[in-house]
Amino acid sequence: MTTAYLNSPLGPLVAGAIDQGICLLAFSDERESDALLKRAVQPPGSESVSGKHPHIQALETQMAQYFLGTRRDFEVPVVLAGTPFQERVWRRLMEIPYGQTISYNELSRRIGCSGGQRAVGRANGDNRIAIVVPCHRVIRANGDLGGYSGGLPRKRRLLDVEREGAVQGTLFQGDSNRATPESYVR
């Protein structure tokens, strides 16, 4: 697996790719980012190496467009690897339209698991490909945000990006990063 760090208006991300597609995208300051890296899809016996990969380069461009408000759907291939239930949840997440949210209850209903909100929430939390597999679009039935491994301020900003069409400023005070394509790779 090839890994690279990407800058974003919401903080640094670590991306991972194998020949089949993107298998990791996580905020690099997450407590679990090291654990996510270990659980990311890799050929048996291989190690992750830092470097360039065509899928990561495509992701970088598409992420810049997303944060500029000019991209709604990601076209980079993704590799989903989990239990059959997790994969069903993650595929359904990718069907939630840009700018819309659904509840955990509705998501469980859509995958044919009525009453399975907790299991859906757990699968959501196990998502290894943030933003591209848009787990941030799932909220509580009462409208509260619920959880997000990247933190609730980021979840709120991702939903704002989709509602407003572009990042209007930055999440972190004193952070001079702006959403420009040049600011994404470090």
C-alpha atoms as a PDB file:
ATOM      1  CA  MET A   1       0.000   0.000   0.000  1.00  0.00           C
ATOM      2  CA  THR A   2       1.252   3.453  -0.876  1.00  0.00           C
ATOM      3  CA  THR A   3       0.423   6.237   1.578  1.00  0.00           C
ATOM      4  CA  ALA A   4       0.592  10.000   1.332  1.00  0.00           C
ATOM      5  CA  TYR A   5      -0.456  12.926   3.477  1.00  0.00           C
ATOM      6  CA  LEU A   6      -2.899  15.420   1.998  1.00  0.00           C
ATOM      7  CA  ASN A   7      -3.731  18.839   3.377  1.00  0.00           C
ATOM      8  CA  SER A   8      -7.328  19.961   3.503  1.00  0.00           C
ATOM      9  CA  PRO A   9      -9.164  22.947   4.932  1.00  0.00           C
ATOM     10  CA  LEU A  10     -10.240  20.615   7.761  1.00  0.00           C
ATOM     11  CA  GLY A  11      -6.763  19.379   8.624  1.00  0.00           C
ATOM     12  CA  PRO A  12      -4.300  16.819   7.310  1.00  0.00           C
ATOM     13  CA  LEU A  13      -5.478  13.502   5.886  1.00  0.00           C
ATOM     14  CA  VAL A  14      -3.619  10.255   5.327  1.00  0.00           C
ATOM     15  CA  ALA A  15      -4.530   8.445   2.110  1.00  0.00           C
ATOM     16  CA  GLY A  16      -3.691   4.886   1.158  1.00  0.00           C
ATOM     17  CA  ALA A  17      -3.958   3.170  -2.200  1.00  0.00           C
ATOM     18  CA  ILE A  18      -3.327  -0.196  -3.759  1.00  0.00           C
ATOM     19  CA  ASP A  19      -3.548  -0.986  -7.458  1.00  0.00           C
ATOM     20  CA  GLN A  20      -7.309  -1.593  -7.224  1.00  0.00           C
ATOM     21  CA  GLY A  21      -8.085   1.805  -5.677  1.00  0.00           C
ATOM     22  CA  ILE A  22      -8.158   3.979  -2.582  1.00  0.00           C
ATOM     23  CA  CYS A  23      -8.327   1.882   0.581  1.00  0.00           C
ATOM     24  CA  LEU A  24      -7.767   4.557   3.232  1.00  0.00           C
ATOM     25  CA  LEU A  25      -8.620   8.201   3.801  1.00  0.00           C
ATOM     26  CA  ALA A  26      -8.554   9.387   7.404  1.00  0.00           C
ATOM     27  CA  PHE A  27      -7.793  12.558   9.290  1.00  0.00           C
ATOM     28  CA  SER A  28      -4.198  12.027  10.362  1.00  0.00           C
ATOM     29  CA  ASP A  29      -4.760  13.404  13.841  1.00  0.00           C
ATOM     30  CA  GLU A  30      -7.442  10.849  14.641  1.00  0.00           C
ATOM     31  CA  ARG A  31      -6.588   8.657  17.612  1.00  0.00           C
ATOM     32  CA  GLU A  32      -7.240   5.642  15.450  1.00  0.00           C
ATOM     33  CA  SER A  33      -5.317   6.711  12.327  1.00  0.00           C
ATOM     34  CA  ASP A  34      -2.491   4.262  13.091  1.00  0.00           C
ATOM     35  CA  ALA A  35      -5.021   1.499  13.722  1.00  0.00           C
ATOM     36  CA  LEU A  36      -6.827   2.416  10.487  1.00  0.00           C
ATOM     37  CA  LEU A  37      -3.535   2.198   8.631  1.00  0.00           C
ATOM     38  CA  LYS A  38      -2.956  -1.291  10.009  1.00  0.00           C
ATOM     39  CA  ARG A  39      -6.507  -2.378   9.083  1.00  0.00           C
ATOM     40  CA  ALA A  40      -6.415  -0.882   5.590  1.00  0.00           C
ATOM     41  CA  VAL A  41      -6.427  -3.285   2.670  1.00  0.00           C
ATOM     42  CA  GLN A  42      -2.927  -4.483   1.855  1.00  0.00           C
ATOM     43  CA  PRO A  43      -1.627  -7.531   0.049  1.00  0.00           C
ATOM     44  CA  PRO A  44      -0.580 -10.191   2.612  1.00  0.00           C
ATOM     45  CA  GLY A  45       2.955  -9.704   3.870  1.00  0.00           C
ATOM     46  CA  SER A  46       3.295  -6.198   2.438  1.00  0.00           C
ATOM     47  CA  GLU A  47       3.994  -2.969   4.259  1.00  0.00           C
ATOM     48  CA  SER A  48       2.810   0.538   3.616  1.00  0.00           C
ATOM     49  CA  VAL A  49       5.298   2.855   1.962  1.00  0.00           C
ATOM     50  CA  SER A  50       5.090   6.587   1.594  1.00  0.00           C
ATOM     51  CA  GLY A  51       5.080   7.812  -1.979  1.00  0.00           C
ATOM     52  CA  LYS A  52       3.095   8.701  -5.071  1.00  0.00           C
ATOM     53  CA  HIS A  53       0.323   6.587  -6.546  1.00  0.00           C
ATOM     54  CA  PRO A  54      -2.013   7.400  -9.465  1.00  0.00           C
ATOM     55  CA  HIS A  55      -5.115   6.780  -7.326  1.00  0.00           C
ATOM     56  CA  ILE A  56      -3.848   9.131  -4.625  1.00  0.00           C
ATOM     57  CA  GLN A  57      -3.027  11.775  -7.226  1.00  0.00           C
ATOM     58  CA  ALA A  58      -6.568  11.454  -8.644  1.00  0.00           C
ATOM     59  CA  LEU A  59      -7.971  11.640  -5.110  1.00  0.00           C
ATOM     60  CA  GLU A  60      -5.927  14.762  -4.408  1.00  0.00           C
ATOM     61  CA  THR A  61      -7.399  16.517  -7.444  1.00  0.00           C
ATOM     62  CA  GLN A  62     -10.935  15.382  -6.651  1.00  0.00           C
ATOM     63  CA  MET A  63     -10.624  16.427  -2.982  1.00  0.00           C
ATOM     64  CA  ALA A  64      -9.474  19.899  -4.031  1.00  0.00           C
ATOM     65  CA  GLN A  65     -12.484  20.161  -6.333  1.00  0.00           C
ATOM     66  CA  TYR A  66     -14.804  18.935  -3.570  1.00  0.00           C
ATOM     67  CA  PHE A  67     -13.602  21.592  -1.136  1.00  0.00           C
ATOM     68  CA  LEU A  68     -13.813  24.268  -3.829  1.00  0.00           C
ATOM     69  CA  GLY A  69     -17.441  23.283  -4.397  1.00  0.00           C
ATOM     70  CA  THR A  70     -16.945  22.119  -7.997  1.00  0.00           C
ATOM     71  CA  ARG A  71     -17.200  18.351  -7.374  1.00  0.00           C
ATOM     72  CA  ARG A  72     -20.135  16.493  -5.888  1.00  0.00           C
ATOM     73  CA  ASP A  73     -19.220  12.886  -6.687  1.00  0.00           C
ATOM     74  CA  PHE A  74     -15.878  11.132  -6.419  1.00  0.00           C
ATOM     75  CA  GLU A  75     -14.765   9.010  -9.353  1.00  0.00           C
ATOM     76  CA  VAL A  76     -11.630   7.533  -7.827  1.00  0.00           C
ATOM     77  CA  PRO A  77     -11.953   3.748  -7.388  1.00  0.00           C
ATOM     78  CA  VAL A  78     -12.349   2.596  -3.799  1.00  0.00           C
ATOM     79  CA  VAL A  79     -11.603  -0.742  -2.185  1.00  0.00           C
ATOM     80  CA  LEU A  80     -14.089  -1.681   0.504  1.00  0.00           C
ATOM     81  CA  ALA A  81     -12.939  -4.497   2.751  1.00  0.00           C
ATOM     82  CA  GLY A  82     -14.993  -5.454   5.762  1.00  0.00           C
ATOM     83  CA  THR A  83     -17.666  -7.864   6.803  1.00  0.00           C
ATOM     84  CA  PRO A  84     -20.529  -8.358   4.344  1.00  0.00           C
ATOM     85  CA  PHE A  85     -22.704  -6.203   6.638  1.00  0.00           C
ATOM     86  CA  GLN A  86     -20.126  -3.378   6.763  1.00  0.00           C
ATOM     87  CA  GLU A  87     -19.696  -3.424   3.009  1.00  0.00           C
ATOM     88  CA  ARG A  88     -23.469  -3.257   2.540  1.00  0.00           C
ATOM     89  CA  VAL A  89     -23.581  -0.198   4.809  1.00  0.00           C
ATOM     90  CA  TRP A  90     -20.625   1.482   3.066  1.00  0.00           C
ATOM     91  CA  ARG A  91     -22.067   0.915  -0.406  1.00  0.00           C
ATOM     92  CA  ARG A  92     -25.368   2.411   0.703  1.00  0.00           C
ATOM     93  CA  LEU A  93     -23.503   5.413   2.159  1.00  0.00           C
ATOM     94  CA  MET A  94     -22.116   6.077  -1.304  1.00  0.00           C
ATOM     95  CA  GLU A  95     -25.703   6.331  -2.586  1.00  0.00           C
ATOM     96  CA  ILE A  96     -26.663   9.210  -0.270  1.00  0.00           C
ATOM     97  CA  PRO A  97     -26.805  12.264  -2.547  1.00  0.00           C
ATOM     98  CA  TYR A  98     -24.418  15.163  -2.048  1.00  0.00           C
ATOM     99  CA  GLY A  99     -25.866  17.748   0.307  1.00  0.00           C
ATOM    100  CA  GLN A 100     -28.416  15.385   1.849  1.00  0.00           C
ATOM    101  CA  THR A 101     -28.476  13.583   5.165  1.00  0.00           C
ATOM    102  CA  ILE A 102     -30.321  10.549   6.435  1.00  0.00           C
ATOM    103  CA  SER A 103     -30.766   9.099   9.903  1.00  0.00           C
ATOM    104  CA  TYR A 104     -29.109   5.977  11.226  1.00  0.00           C
ATOM    105  CA  ASN A 105     -32.608   4.502  11.399  1.00  0.00           C
ATOM    106  CA  GLU A 106     -33.264   5.277   7.726  1.00  0.00           C
ATOM    107  CA  LEU A 107     -29.897   3.835   6.728  1.00  0.00           C
ATOM    108  CA  SER A 108     -30.642   0.618   8.618  1.00  0.00           C
ATOM    109  CA  ARG A 109     -34.014   0.430   6.863  1.00  0.00           C
ATOM    110  CA  ARG A 110     -32.393   0.968   3.458  1.00  0.00           C
ATOM    111  CA  ILE A 111     -30.037  -1.959   3.941  1.00  0.00           C
ATOM    112  CA  GLY A 112     -32.876  -4.214   5.071  1.00  0.00           C
ATOM    113  CA  CYS A 113     -31.995  -4.192   8.759  1.00  0.00           C
ATOM    114  CA  SER A 114     -34.848  -2.272  10.413  1.00  0.00           C
ATOM    115  CA  GLY A 115     -34.032  -1.541  14.011  1.00  0.00           C
ATOM    116  CA  GLY A 116     -30.314  -1.990  13.385  1.00  0.00           C
ATOM    117  CA  GLN A 117     -29.300   1.609  14.027  1.00  0.00           C
ATOM    118  CA  ARG A 118     -26.551   0.690  16.474  1.00  0.00           C
ATOM    119  CA  ALA A 119     -25.024  -1.874  14.112  1.00  0.00           C
ATOM    120  CA  VAL A 120     -25.222   0.663  11.277  1.00  0.00           C
ATOM    121  CA  GLY A 121     -23.603   3.280  13.513  1.00  0.00           C
ATOM    122  CA  ARG A 122     -20.782   0.890  14.341  1.00  0.00           C
ATOM    123  CA  ALA A 123     -20.228   0.068  10.645  1.00  0.00           C
ATOM    124  CA  ASN A 124     -20.310   3.796   9.911  1.00  0.00           C
ATOM    125  CA  GLY A 125     -17.600   4.326  12.526  1.00  0.00           C
ATOM    126  CA  ASP A 126     -15.496   1.556  10.972  1.00  0.00           C
ATOM    127  CA  ASN A 127     -15.478   3.307   7.588  1.00  0.00           C
ATOM    128  CA  ARG A 128     -11.837   3.648   6.504  1.00  0.00           C
ATOM    129  CA  ILE A 129     -12.455   6.009   3.583  1.00  0.00           C
ATOM    130  CA  ALA A 130     -13.724   9.306   4.996  1.00  0.00           C
ATOM    131  CA  ILE A 131     -15.496  11.850   2.792  1.00  0.00           C
ATOM    132  CA  VAL A 132     -15.420   9.637  -0.336  1.00  0.00           C
ATOM    133  CA  VAL A 133     -17.566   7.061   1.489  1.00  0.00           C
ATOM    134  CA  PRO A 134     -19.693   9.816   3.051  1.00  0.00           C
ATOM    135  CA  CYS A 135     -20.445   8.576   6.550  1.00  0.00           C
ATOM    136  CA  HIS A 136     -20.688  12.255   7.558  1.00  0.00           C
ATOM    137  CA  ARG A 137     -24.104  12.353   5.835  1.00  0.00           C
ATOM    138  CA  VAL A 138     -25.676  10.141   8.504  1.00  0.00           C
ATOM    139  CA  ILE A 139     -27.183  11.936  11.504  1.00  0.00           C
ATOM    140  CA  ARG A 140     -29.512  11.109  14.365  1.00  0.00           C
ATOM    141  CA  ALA A 141     -33.256  11.016  13.776  1.00  0.00           C
ATOM    142  CA  ASN A 142     -33.697  14.142  15.955  1.00  0.00           C
ATOM    143  CA  GLY A 143     -31.305  16.113  13.723  1.00  0.00           C
ATOM    144  CA  ASP A 144     -28.297  15.938  16.062  1.00  0.00           C
ATOM    145  CA  LEU A 145     -25.037  15.119  14.330  1.00  0.00           C
ATOM    146  CA  GLY A 146     -24.277  11.900  16.189  1.00  0.00           C
ATOM    147  CA  GLY A 147     -20.667  10.747  16.114  1.00  0.00           C
ATOM    148  CA  TYR A 148     -17.790  11.156  13.689  1.00  0.00           C
ATOM    149  CA  SER A 149     -14.302   9.718  14.046  1.00  0.00           C
ATOM    150  CA  GLY A 150     -12.790  12.939  12.670  1.00  0.00           C
ATOM    151  CA  GLY A 151     -14.663  14.943  15.314  1.00  0.00           C
ATOM    152  CA  LEU A 152     -18.029  16.656  15.273  1.00  0.00           C
ATOM    153  CA  PRO A 153     -16.618  20.062  14.164  1.00  0.00           C
ATOM    154  CA  ARG A 154     -15.335  18.380  10.987  1.00  0.00           C
ATOM    155  CA  LYS A 155     -18.615  16.578  10.406  1.00  0.00           C
ATOM    156  CA  ARG A 156     -20.438  19.900  10.732  1.00  0.00           C
ATOM    157  CA  ARG A 157     -18.007  21.580   8.290  1.00  0.00           C
ATOM    158  CA  LEU A 158     -18.339  18.742   5.743  1.00  0.00           C
ATOM    159  CA  LEU A 159     -22.110  19.144   5.856  1.00  0.00           C
ATOM    160  CA  ASP A 160     -21.640  22.920   5.533  1.00  0.00           C
ATOM    161  CA  VAL A 161     -19.365  22.419   2.507  1.00  0.00           C
ATOM    162  CA  GLU A 162     -22.114  20.447   0.827  1.00  0.00           C
ATOM    163  CA  ARG A 163     -24.817  22.917   1.820  1.00  0.00           C
ATOM    164  CA  GLU A 164     -22.813  26.037   0.911  1.00  0.00           C
ATOM    165  CA  GLY A 165     -20.983  24.588  -2.075  1.00  0.00           C
ATOM    166  CA  ALA A 166     -17.439  25.421  -0.908  1.00  0.00           C
ATOM    167  CA  VAL A 167     -15.337  25.940   2.186  1.00  0.00           C
ATOM    168  CA  GLN A 168     -15.791  29.495   3.412  1.00  0.00           C
ATOM    169  CA  GLY A 169     -12.702  29.897   5.575  1.00  0.00           C
ATOM    170  CA  THR A 170     -11.031  27.284   7.715  1.00  0.00           C
ATOM    171  CA  LEU A 171     -11.939  25.114  10.650  1.00  0.00           C
ATOM    172  CA  PHE A 172      -8.894  25.896  12.766  1.00  0.00           C
ATOM    173  CA  GLN A 173      -8.193  29.430  13.969  1.00  0.00           C
ATOM    174  CA  GLY A 174      -4.853  30.688  12.777  1.00  0.00           C
ATOM    175  CA  ASP A 175      -4.756  28.114   9.988  1.00  0.00           C
ATOM    176  CA  SER A 176      -3.939  29.923   6.765  1.00  0.00           C
ATOM    177  CA  ASN A 177      -4.803  26.959   4.514  1.00  0.00           C
ATOM    178  CA  ARG A 178      -7.279  27.892   1.830  1.00  0.00           C
ATOM    179  CA  ALA A 179      -9.103  25.450  -0.394  1.00  0.00           C
ATOM    180  CA  THR A 180      -6.853  25.596  -3.430  1.00  0.00           C
ATOM    181  CA  PRO A 181      -5.579  22.643  -5.423  1.00  0.00           C
ATOM    182  CA  GLU A 182      -1.992  23.613  -4.618  1.00  0.00           C
ATOM    183  CA  SER A 183      -2.566  23.263  -0.858  1.00  0.00           C
ATOM    184  CA  TYR A 184      -3.430  19.575  -0.710  1.00  0.00           C
ATOM    185  CA  VAL A 185      -0.164  17.616  -0.764  1.00  0.00           C
ATOM    186  CA  ARG A 186       2.629  18.102   1.687  1.00  0.00           C
END
